[in-house]
Amino acid sequence: MASNEEITMDEDHFNMAVRKFLKEVGVTSQREIERLVRERDMKSTNLRLRMTLTSDDDPALKHVVETSIELR
């Protein structure tokens, strides 16, 4: 491939890959949160959570989501 050729991205494939990743993150994160709450004697009535999205390929990506879940 010549260096000046533009690489075209298959939008459908990209969207499906992102959705698959987000589904895996959501499902596994929910399992971990549920496990934590079941296995530990949580002293607080709230569980503070933070999810940080980064990429080894681009250090400029740092997206943080924070929330608090009421336990009782």
C-alpha atoms as a PDB file:
ATOM      1  CA  MET A   1       0.000   0.000   0.000  1.00  0.00           C
ATOM      2  CA  ALA A   2       1.366   3.419  -0.881  1.00  0.00           C
ATOM      3  CA  SER A   3       1.978   5.769   2.023  1.00  0.00           C
ATOM      4  CA  ASN A   4      -0.362   8.435   0.654  1.00  0.00           C
ATOM      5  CA  GLU A   5      -3.377   6.124   0.359  1.00  0.00           C
ATOM      6  CA  GLU A   6      -6.094   6.812   2.872  1.00  0.00           C
ATOM      7  CA  ILE A   7      -7.200   3.872   4.985  1.00  0.00           C
ATOM      8  CA  THR A   8     -10.977   3.620   4.897  1.00  0.00           C
ATOM      9  CA  MET A   9     -12.796   2.330   7.930  1.00  0.00           C
ATOM     10  CA  ASP A  10     -15.794   0.042   7.674  1.00  0.00           C
ATOM     11  CA  GLU A  11     -18.253   2.012   9.829  1.00  0.00           C
ATOM     12  CA  ASP A  12     -20.551  -0.949  10.443  1.00  0.00           C
ATOM     13  CA  HIS A  13     -17.668  -3.158  11.560  1.00  0.00           C
ATOM     14  CA  PHE A  14     -16.294  -0.379  13.772  1.00  0.00           C
ATOM     15  CA  ASN A  15     -19.685   0.274  15.411  1.00  0.00           C
ATOM     16  CA  MET A  16     -20.205  -3.441  16.080  1.00  0.00           C
ATOM     17  CA  ALA A  17     -16.713  -3.763  17.595  1.00  0.00           C
ATOM     18  CA  VAL A  18     -17.313  -0.774  19.890  1.00  0.00           C
ATOM     19  CA  ARG A  19     -20.717  -2.135  20.952  1.00  0.00           C
ATOM     20  CA  LYS A  20     -19.191  -5.550  21.674  1.00  0.00           C
ATOM     21  CA  PHE A  21     -16.497  -3.934  23.815  1.00  0.00           C
ATOM     22  CA  LEU A  22     -19.028  -1.807  25.723  1.00  0.00           C
ATOM     23  CA  LYS A  23     -21.281  -4.824  26.298  1.00  0.00           C
ATOM     24  CA  GLU A  24     -18.337  -6.780  27.727  1.00  0.00           C
ATOM     25  CA  VAL A  25     -17.386  -3.843  29.963  1.00  0.00           C
ATOM     26  CA  GLY A  26     -20.974  -3.456  31.158  1.00  0.00           C
ATOM     27  CA  VAL A  27     -21.628  -7.127  31.858  1.00  0.00           C
ATOM     28  CA  THR A  28     -18.315  -7.829  33.576  1.00  0.00           C
ATOM     29  CA  SER A  29     -18.466  -4.589  35.580  1.00  0.00           C
ATOM     30  CA  GLN A  30     -21.966  -5.373  36.818  1.00  0.00           C
ATOM     31  CA  ARG A  31     -20.826  -8.852  37.913  1.00  0.00           C
ATOM     32  CA  GLU A  32     -17.863  -7.400  39.803  1.00  0.00           C
ATOM     33  CA  ILE A  33     -20.003  -4.791  41.567  1.00  0.00           C
ATOM     34  CA  GLU A  34     -22.591  -7.416  42.544  1.00  0.00           C
ATOM     35  CA  ARG A  35     -19.828  -9.755  43.797  1.00  0.00           C
ATOM     36  CA  LEU A  36     -18.294  -6.991  45.883  1.00  0.00           C
ATOM     37  CA  VAL A  37     -21.599  -6.072  47.515  1.00  0.00           C
ATOM     38  CA  ARG A  38     -22.448  -9.749  48.219  1.00  0.00           C
ATOM     39  CA  GLU A  39     -19.050 -10.773  49.595  1.00  0.00           C
ATOM     40  CA  ARG A  40     -18.166  -7.766  51.725  1.00  0.00           C
ATOM     41  CA  ASP A  41     -19.888  -6.284  54.703  1.00  0.00           C
ATOM     42  CA  MET A  42     -20.403  -2.826  53.248  1.00  0.00           C
ATOM     43  CA  LYS A  43     -20.392  -0.307  56.107  1.00  0.00           C
ATOM     44  CA  SER A  44     -21.622   2.528  53.925  1.00  0.00           C
ATOM     45  CA  THR A  45     -25.084   2.964  52.471  1.00  0.00           C
ATOM     46  CA  ASN A  46     -23.502   4.154  49.215  1.00  0.00           C
ATOM     47  CA  LEU A  47     -20.961   2.598  46.907  1.00  0.00           C
ATOM     48  CA  ARG A  48     -18.873   5.178  45.077  1.00  0.00           C
ATOM     49  CA  LEU A  49     -17.682   4.003  41.675  1.00  0.00           C
ATOM     50  CA  ARG A  50     -15.303   5.324  39.040  1.00  0.00           C
ATOM     51  CA  MET A  51     -14.703   3.927  35.570  1.00  0.00           C
ATOM     52  CA  THR A  52     -11.740   5.212  33.574  1.00  0.00           C
ATOM     53  CA  LEU A  53     -11.399   4.554  29.849  1.00  0.00           C
ATOM     54  CA  THR A  54      -7.876   4.803  28.450  1.00  0.00           C
ATOM     55  CA  SER A  55      -6.009   3.491  25.431  1.00  0.00           C
ATOM     56  CA  ASP A  56      -2.437   2.269  25.252  1.00  0.00           C
ATOM     57  CA  ASP A  57      -2.457   3.452  21.637  1.00  0.00           C
ATOM     58  CA  ASP A  58      -3.368   7.061  22.428  1.00  0.00           C
ATOM     59  CA  PRO A  59      -2.541   8.520  25.837  1.00  0.00           C
ATOM     60  CA  ALA A  60      -4.802  11.501  25.093  1.00  0.00           C
ATOM     61  CA  LEU A  61      -7.845   9.286  25.730  1.00  0.00           C
ATOM     62  CA  LYS A  62      -8.899   9.527  29.349  1.00  0.00           C
ATOM     63  CA  HIS A  63     -12.644   9.418  29.916  1.00  0.00           C
ATOM     64  CA  VAL A  64     -13.819   9.167  33.542  1.00  0.00           C
ATOM     65  CA  VAL A  65     -17.347   8.342  34.717  1.00  0.00           C
ATOM     66  CA  GLU A  66     -18.158   8.595  38.412  1.00  0.00           C
ATOM     67  CA  THR A  67     -21.321   7.737  40.285  1.00  0.00           C
ATOM     68  CA  SER A  68     -22.646   6.619  43.626  1.00  0.00           C
ATOM     69  CA  ILE A  69     -25.044   3.706  44.035  1.00  0.00           C
ATOM     70  CA  GLU A  70     -27.369   3.584  47.038  1.00  0.00           C
ATOM     71  CA  LEU A  71     -27.096   0.180  48.704  1.00  0.00           C
ATOM     72  CA  ARG A  72     -29.955   0.388  51.219  1.00  0.00           C
END
